[in-house]
PDB file of N, CA and C in Angstrom:
ATOM      1  N   UNK A   1     113.168 123.621 128.554  1.00  0.00           N
ATOM      2  CA  UNK A   1     113.000 122.565 127.569  1.00  0.00           C
ATOM      3  C   UNK A   1     114.326 121.837 127.321  1.00  0.00           C
ATOM      4  N   UNK A   2     115.431 122.593 127.257  1.00  0.00           N
ATOM      5  CA  UNK A   2     116.739 121.977 127.016  1.00  0.00           C
ATOM      6  C   UNK A   2     117.113 121.046 128.162  1.00  0.00           C
ATOM      7  N   UNK A   3     116.835 121.464 129.385  1.00  0.00           N
ATOM      8  CA  UNK A   3     117.148 120.626 130.543  1.00  0.00           C
ATOM      9  C   UNK A   3     116.383 119.317 130.525  1.00  0.00           C
ATOM     10  N   UNK A   4     115.123 119.377 130.147  1.00  0.00           N
ATOM     11  CA  UNK A   4     114.303 118.167 130.071  1.00  0.00           C
ATOM     12  C   UNK A   4     114.839 117.248 128.984  1.00  0.00           C
ATOM     13  N   UNK A   5     115.216 117.806 127.830  1.00  0.00           N
ATOM     14  CA  UNK A   5     115.786 116.998 126.754  1.00  0.00           C
ATOM     15  C   UNK A   5     117.074 116.327 127.221  1.00  0.00           C
ATOM     16  N   UNK A   6     117.902 117.066 127.945  1.00  0.00           N
ATOM     17  CA  UNK A   6     119.168 116.513 128.416  1.00  0.00           C
ATOM     18  C   UNK A   6     118.931 115.388 129.413  1.00  0.00           C
ATOM     19  N   UNK A   7     118.023 115.590 130.360  1.00  0.00           N
ATOM     20  CA  UNK A   7     117.716 114.549 131.339  1.00  0.00           C
ATOM     21  C   UNK A   7     117.213 113.293 130.635  1.00  0.00           C
ATOM     22  N   UNK A   8     116.395 113.467 129.603  1.00  0.00           N
ATOM     23  CA  UNK A   8     115.887 112.315 128.853  1.00  0.00           C
ATOM     24  C   UNK A   8     117.005 111.581 128.117  1.00  0.00           C
ATOM     25  N   UNK A   9     118.069 112.277 127.778  1.00  0.00           N
ATOM     26  CA  UNK A   9     119.176 111.685 127.033  1.00  0.00           C
ATOM     27  C   UNK A   9     120.170 110.987 127.958  1.00  0.00           C
ATOM     28  N   UNK A  10     120.261 111.427 129.194  1.00  0.00           N
ATOM     29  CA  UNK A  10     121.215 110.846 130.138  1.00  0.00           C
ATOM     30  C   UNK A  10     120.737 109.464 130.566  1.00  0.00           C
ATOM     31  N   UNK A  11     121.575 108.473 130.357  1.00  0.00           N
ATOM     32  CA  UNK A  11     121.230 107.097 130.704  1.00  0.00           C
ATOM     33  C   UNK A  11     121.572 106.772 132.154  1.00  0.00           C
ATOM     34  N   UNK A  12     122.380 107.597 132.783  1.00  0.00           N
ATOM     35  CA  UNK A  12     122.801 107.361 134.162  1.00  0.00           C
ATOM     36  C   UNK A  12     121.670 107.779 135.097  1.00  0.00           C
ATOM     37  N   UNK A  13     120.841 106.814 135.483  1.00  0.00           N
ATOM     38  CA  UNK A  13     119.668 107.122 136.298  1.00  0.00           C
ATOM     39  C   UNK A  13     120.029 107.579 137.704  1.00  0.00           C
ATOM     40  N   UNK A  14     121.190 107.195 138.205  1.00  0.00           N
ATOM     41  CA  UNK A  14     121.611 107.632 139.527  1.00  0.00           C
ATOM     42  C   UNK A  14     121.695 109.153 139.587  1.00  0.00           C
ATOM     43  N   UNK A  15     122.091 109.785 138.468  1.00  0.00           N
ATOM     44  CA  UNK A  15     122.242 111.244 138.440  1.00  0.00           C
ATOM     45  C   UNK A  15     120.928 111.952 138.749  1.00  0.00           C
ATOM     46  N   UNK A  16     119.818 111.381 138.349  1.00  0.00           N
ATOM     47  CA  UNK A  16     118.529 112.029 138.551  1.00  0.00           C
ATOM     48  C   UNK A  16     117.784 111.472 139.770  1.00  0.00           C
ATOM     49  N   UNK A  17     118.486 110.765 140.632  1.00  0.00           N
ATOM     50  CA  UNK A  17     117.836 110.143 141.785  1.00  0.00           C
ATOM     51  C   UNK A  17     118.144 110.892 143.077  1.00  0.00           C
ATOM     52  N   UNK A  18     117.259 110.727 144.043  1.00  0.00           N
ATOM     53  CA  UNK A  18     117.511 111.303 145.368  1.00  0.00           C
ATOM     54  C   UNK A  18     118.628 110.542 146.067  1.00  0.00           C
ATOM     55  N   UNK A  19     118.870 109.324 145.649  1.00  0.00           N
ATOM     56  CA  UNK A  19     119.948 108.524 146.245  1.00  0.00           C
ATOM     57  C   UNK A  19     121.291 109.217 146.071  1.00  0.00           C
ATOM     58  N   UNK A  20     121.534 109.788 144.896  1.00  0.00           N
ATOM     59  CA  UNK A  20     122.804 110.473 144.647  1.00  0.00           C
ATOM     60  C   UNK A  20     122.974 111.666 145.579  1.00  0.00           C
ATOM     61  N   UNK A  21     121.898 112.405 145.801  1.00  0.00           N
ATOM     62  CA  UNK A  21     121.960 113.535 146.721  1.00  0.00           C
ATOM     63  C   UNK A  21     122.388 113.056 148.104  1.00  0.00           C
ATOM     64  N   UNK A  22     121.821 111.963 148.546  1.00  0.00           N
ATOM     65  CA  UNK A  22     122.180 111.409 149.849  1.00  0.00           C
ATOM     66  C   UNK A  22     123.631 110.973 149.912  1.00  0.00           C
ATOM     67  N   UNK A  23     124.105 110.356 148.844  1.00  0.00           N
ATOM     68  CA  UNK A  23     125.509 109.917 148.786  1.00  0.00           C
ATOM     69  C   UNK A  23     126.429 111.122 148.885  1.00  0.00           C
ATOM     70  N   UNK A  24     126.129 112.162 148.095  1.00  0.00           N
ATOM     71  CA  UNK A  24     126.970 113.365 148.112  1.00  0.00           C
ATOM     72  C   UNK A  24     126.928 114.047 149.480  1.00  0.00           C
ATOM     73  N   UNK A  25     125.741 114.132 150.071  1.00  0.00           N
ATOM     74  CA  UNK A  25     125.629 114.772 151.386  1.00  0.00           C
ATOM     75  C   UNK A  25     126.436 114.027 152.434  1.00  0.00           C
ATOM     76  N   UNK A  26     126.404 112.688 152.393  1.00  0.00           N
ATOM     77  CA  UNK A  26     127.185 111.906 153.354  1.00  0.00           C
ATOM     78  C   UNK A  26     128.670 112.152 153.161  1.00  0.00           C
ATOM     79  N   UNK A  27     129.120 112.150 151.901  1.00  0.00           N
ATOM     80  CA  UNK A  27     130.539 112.380 151.644  1.00  0.00           C
ATOM     81  C   UNK A  27     130.959 113.784 152.077  1.00  0.00           C
ATOM     82  N   UNK A  28     130.093 114.762 151.852  1.00  0.00           N
ATOM     83  CA  UNK A  28     130.415 116.128 152.276  1.00  0.00           C
ATOM     84  C   UNK A  28     130.501 116.230 153.797  1.00  0.00           C
ATOM     85  N   UNK A  29     129.608 115.536 154.503  1.00  0.00           N
ATOM     86  CA  UNK A  29     129.705 115.513 155.976  1.00  0.00           C
ATOM     87  C   UNK A  29     130.994 114.822 156.411  1.00  0.00           C
ATOM     88  N   UNK A  30     131.345 113.731 155.730  1.00  0.00           N
ATOM     89  CA  UNK A  30     132.587 113.029 156.058  1.00  0.00           C
ATOM     90  C   UNK A  30     133.803 113.906 155.784  1.00  0.00           C
ATOM     91  N   UNK A  31     133.764 114.682 154.718  1.00  0.00           N
ATOM     92  CA  UNK A  31     134.864 115.619 154.433  1.00  0.00           C
ATOM     93  C   UNK A  31     134.965 116.633 155.562  1.00  0.00           C
ATOM     94  N   UNK A  32     133.831 117.159 155.988  1.00  0.00           N
ATOM     95  CA  UNK A  32     133.800 118.137 157.075  1.00  0.00           C
ATOM     96  C   UNK A  32     134.397 117.558 158.360  1.00  0.00           C
ATOM     97  N   UNK A  33     134.182 116.271 158.574  1.00  0.00           N
ATOM     98  CA  UNK A  33     134.690 115.594 159.781  1.00  0.00           C
ATOM     99  C   UNK A  33     136.096 115.024 159.583  1.00  0.00           C
ATOM    100  N   UNK A  34     136.678 115.288 158.420  1.00  0.00           N
ATOM    101  CA  UNK A  34     138.021 114.792 158.065  1.00  0.00           C
ATOM    102  C   UNK A  34     138.069 113.273 157.971  1.00  0.00           C
ATOM    103  N   UNK A  35     136.940 112.663 157.593  1.00  0.00           N
ATOM    104  CA  UNK A  35     136.878 111.221 157.403  1.00  0.00           C
ATOM    105  C   UNK A  35     136.874 110.835 155.926  1.00  0.00           C
ATOM    106  N   UNK A  36     136.915 111.839 155.047  1.00  0.00           N
ATOM    107  CA  UNK A  36     136.913 111.592 153.608  1.00  0.00           C
ATOM    108  C   UNK A  36     137.684 112.716 152.946  1.00  0.00           C
ATOM    109  N   UNK A  37     138.423 112.372 151.927  1.00  0.00           N
ATOM    110  CA  UNK A  37     139.298 113.339 151.268  1.00  0.00           C
ATOM    111  C   UNK A  37     138.530 114.160 150.226  1.00  0.00           C
ATOM    112  N   UNK A  38     138.597 115.468 150.333  1.00  0.00           N
ATOM    113  CA  UNK A  38     137.894 116.357 149.408  1.00  0.00           C
ATOM    114  C   UNK A  38     138.381 116.165 147.971  1.00  0.00           C
ATOM    115  N   UNK A  39     139.668 115.976 147.778  1.00  0.00           N
ATOM    116  CA  UNK A  39     140.214 115.783 146.435  1.00  0.00           C
ATOM    117  C   UNK A  39     139.664 114.499 145.807  1.00  0.00           C
ATOM    118  N   UNK A  40     139.500 113.463 146.609  1.00  0.00           N
ATOM    119  CA  UNK A  40     138.921 112.217 146.115  1.00  0.00           C
ATOM    120  C   UNK A  40     137.489 112.452 145.662  1.00  0.00           C
ATOM    121  N   UNK A  41     136.732 113.182 146.454  1.00  0.00           N
ATOM    122  CA  UNK A  41     135.347 113.494 146.105  1.00  0.00           C
ATOM    123  C   UNK A  41     135.285 114.267 144.792  1.00  0.00           C
ATOM    124  N   UNK A  42     136.115 115.264 144.642  1.00  0.00           N
ATOM    125  CA  UNK A  42     136.144 116.068 143.412  1.00  0.00           C
ATOM    126  C   UNK A  42     136.527 115.201 142.213  1.00  0.00           C
ATOM    127  N   UNK A  43     137.513 114.340 142.390  1.00  0.00           N
ATOM    128  CA  UNK A  43     137.913 113.451 141.292  1.00  0.00           C
ATOM    129  C   UNK A  43     136.797 112.484 140.911  1.00  0.00           C
ATOM    130  N   UNK A  44     136.062 111.995 141.900  1.00  0.00           N
ATOM    131  CA  UNK A  44     134.916 111.131 141.620  1.00  0.00           C
ATOM    132  C   UNK A  44     133.864 111.877 140.802  1.00  0.00           C
ATOM    133  N   UNK A  45     133.610 113.134 141.182  1.00  0.00           N
ATOM    134  CA  UNK A  45     132.635 113.940 140.441  1.00  0.00           C
ATOM    135  C   UNK A  45     133.100 114.179 139.009  1.00  0.00           C
ATOM    136  N   UNK A  46     134.374 114.491 138.840  1.00  0.00           N
ATOM    137  CA  UNK A  46     134.918 114.713 137.495  1.00  0.00           C
ATOM    138  C   UNK A  46     134.769 113.464 136.635  1.00  0.00           C
ATOM    139  N   UNK A  47     135.064 112.316 137.210  1.00  0.00           N
ATOM    140  CA  UNK A  47     134.941 111.058 136.484  1.00  0.00           C
ATOM    141  C   UNK A  47     133.491 110.803 136.090  1.00  0.00           C
ATOM    142  N   UNK A  48     132.584 111.016 137.027  1.00  0.00           N
ATOM    143  CA  UNK A  48     131.166 110.784 136.763  1.00  0.00           C
ATOM    144  C   UNK A  48     130.650 111.741 135.682  1.00  0.00           C
ATOM    145  N   UNK A  49     131.001 113.013 135.773  1.00  0.00           N
ATOM    146  CA  UNK A  49     130.552 113.986 134.785  1.00  0.00           C
ATOM    147  C   UNK A  49     131.137 113.671 133.409  1.00  0.00           C
ATOM    148  N   UNK A  50     132.405 113.305 133.361  1.00  0.00           N
ATOM    149  CA  UNK A  50     133.036 112.955 132.085  1.00  0.00           C
ATOM    150  C   UNK A  50     132.330 111.772 131.432  1.00  0.00           C
ATOM    151  N   UNK A  51     131.986 110.761 132.229  1.00  0.00           N
ATOM    152  CA  UNK A  51     131.283 109.591 131.691  1.00  0.00           C
ATOM    153  C   UNK A  51     129.913 109.984 131.155  1.00  0.00           C
ATOM    154  N   UNK A  52     129.189 110.801 131.885  1.00  0.00           N
ATOM    155  CA  UNK A  52     127.860 111.220 131.458  1.00  0.00           C
ATOM    156  C   UNK A  52     127.938 112.032 130.169  1.00  0.00           C
ATOM    157  N   UNK A  53     128.884 112.959 130.095  1.00  0.00           N
ATOM    158  CA  UNK A  53     129.046 113.774 128.881  1.00  0.00           C
ATOM    159  C   UNK A  53     129.391 112.878 127.692  1.00  0.00           C
ATOM    160  N   UNK A  54     130.308 111.941 127.893  1.00  0.00           N
ATOM    161  CA  UNK A  54     130.682 111.010 126.819  1.00  0.00           C
ATOM    162  C   UNK A  54     129.473 110.205 126.366  1.00  0.00           C
ATOM    163  N   UNK A  55     128.683 109.707 127.326  1.00  0.00           N
ATOM    164  CA  UNK A  55     127.488 108.935 126.988  1.00  0.00           C
ATOM    165  C   UNK A  55     126.485 109.766 126.192  1.00  0.00           C
ATOM    166  N   UNK A  56     126.281 111.017 126.591  1.00  0.00           N
ATOM    167  CA  UNK A  56     125.342 111.890 125.881  1.00  0.00           C
ATOM    168  C   UNK A  56     125.847 112.175 124.470  1.00  0.00           C
ATOM    169  N   UNK A  57     127.144 112.431 124.344  1.00  0.00           N
ATOM    170  CA  UNK A  57     127.712 112.727 123.029  1.00  0.00           C
ATOM    171  C   UNK A  57     127.630 111.536 122.088  1.00  0.00           C
ATOM    172  N   UNK A  58     127.646 110.327 122.652  1.00  0.00           N
ATOM    173  CA  UNK A  58     127.603 109.119 121.838  1.00  0.00           C
ATOM    174  C   UNK A  58     126.219 108.466 121.830  1.00  0.00           C
ATOM    175  N   UNK A  59     125.215 109.187 122.276  1.00  0.00           N
ATOM    176  CA  UNK A  59     123.852 108.664 122.321  1.00  0.00           C
ATOM    177  C   UNK A  59     123.357 108.356 120.907  1.00  0.00           C
ATOM    178  N   UNK A  60     122.819 107.180 120.731  1.00  0.00           N
ATOM    179  CA  UNK A  60     122.346 106.770 119.405  1.00  0.00           C
ATOM    180  C   UNK A  60     120.826 106.612 119.366  1.00  0.00           C
ATOM    181  N   UNK A  61     120.134 107.188 120.333  1.00  0.00           N
ATOM    182  CA  UNK A  61     118.686 107.034 120.406  1.00  0.00           C
ATOM    183  C   UNK A  61     117.956 107.930 119.404  1.00  0.00           C
ATOM    184  N   UNK A  62     118.668 108.848 118.786  1.00  0.00           N
ATOM    185  CA  UNK A  62     118.023 109.770 117.851  1.00  0.00           C
ATOM    186  C   UNK A  62     117.505 111.025 118.518  1.00  0.00           C
ATOM    187  N   UNK A  63     117.579 111.072 119.849  1.00  0.00           N
ATOM    188  CA  UNK A  63     117.167 112.290 120.545  1.00  0.00           C
ATOM    189  C   UNK A  63     118.254 113.334 120.392  1.00  0.00           C
ATOM    190  N   UNK A  64     117.868 114.589 120.461  1.00  0.00           N
ATOM    191  CA  UNK A  64     118.863 115.650 120.400  1.00  0.00           C
ATOM    192  C   UNK A  64     118.560 116.663 121.475  1.00  0.00           C
ATOM    193  N   UNK A  65     119.591 117.367 121.874  1.00  0.00           N
ATOM    194  CA  UNK A  65     119.454 118.394 122.893  1.00  0.00           C
ATOM    195  C   UNK A  65     119.710 119.724 122.211  1.00  0.00           C
ATOM    196  N   UNK A  66     118.683 120.552 122.130  1.00  0.00           N
ATOM    197  CA  UNK A  66     118.815 121.856 121.496  1.00  0.00           C
ATOM    198  C   UNK A  66     119.527 122.800 122.439  1.00  0.00           C
ATOM    199  N   UNK A  67     120.432 123.562 121.914  1.00  0.00           N
ATOM    200  CA  UNK A  67     121.182 124.518 122.704  1.00  0.00           C
ATOM    201  C   UNK A  67     120.916 125.906 122.167  1.00  0.00           C
ATOM    202  N   UNK A  68     120.379 126.762 123.004  1.00  0.00           N
ATOM    203  CA  UNK A  68     120.155 128.162 122.617  1.00  0.00           C
ATOM    204  C   UNK A  68     121.164 129.022 123.352  1.00  0.00           C
ATOM    205  N   UNK A  69     121.955 129.776 122.597  1.00  0.00           N
ATOM    206  CA  UNK A  69     122.974 130.620 123.243  1.00  0.00           C
ATOM    207  C   UNK A  69     122.402 131.956 123.616  1.00  0.00           C
TER     208      UNK A  69
END
């Protein structure tokens, strides 16, 4: 239930798309072939995750994500 609430709160539709999986898979293959820098890929992921977390924390839609520890 928490995962569904979180997905509903995330405005970044690319995150929930198959397109993103394809992009990541291509970059990982390029890293394997030494055509793309692994550190760049990791930094891109960090930037994307930080933006998504910031967007969720500042969501004003009134939705909430319940967290059970």
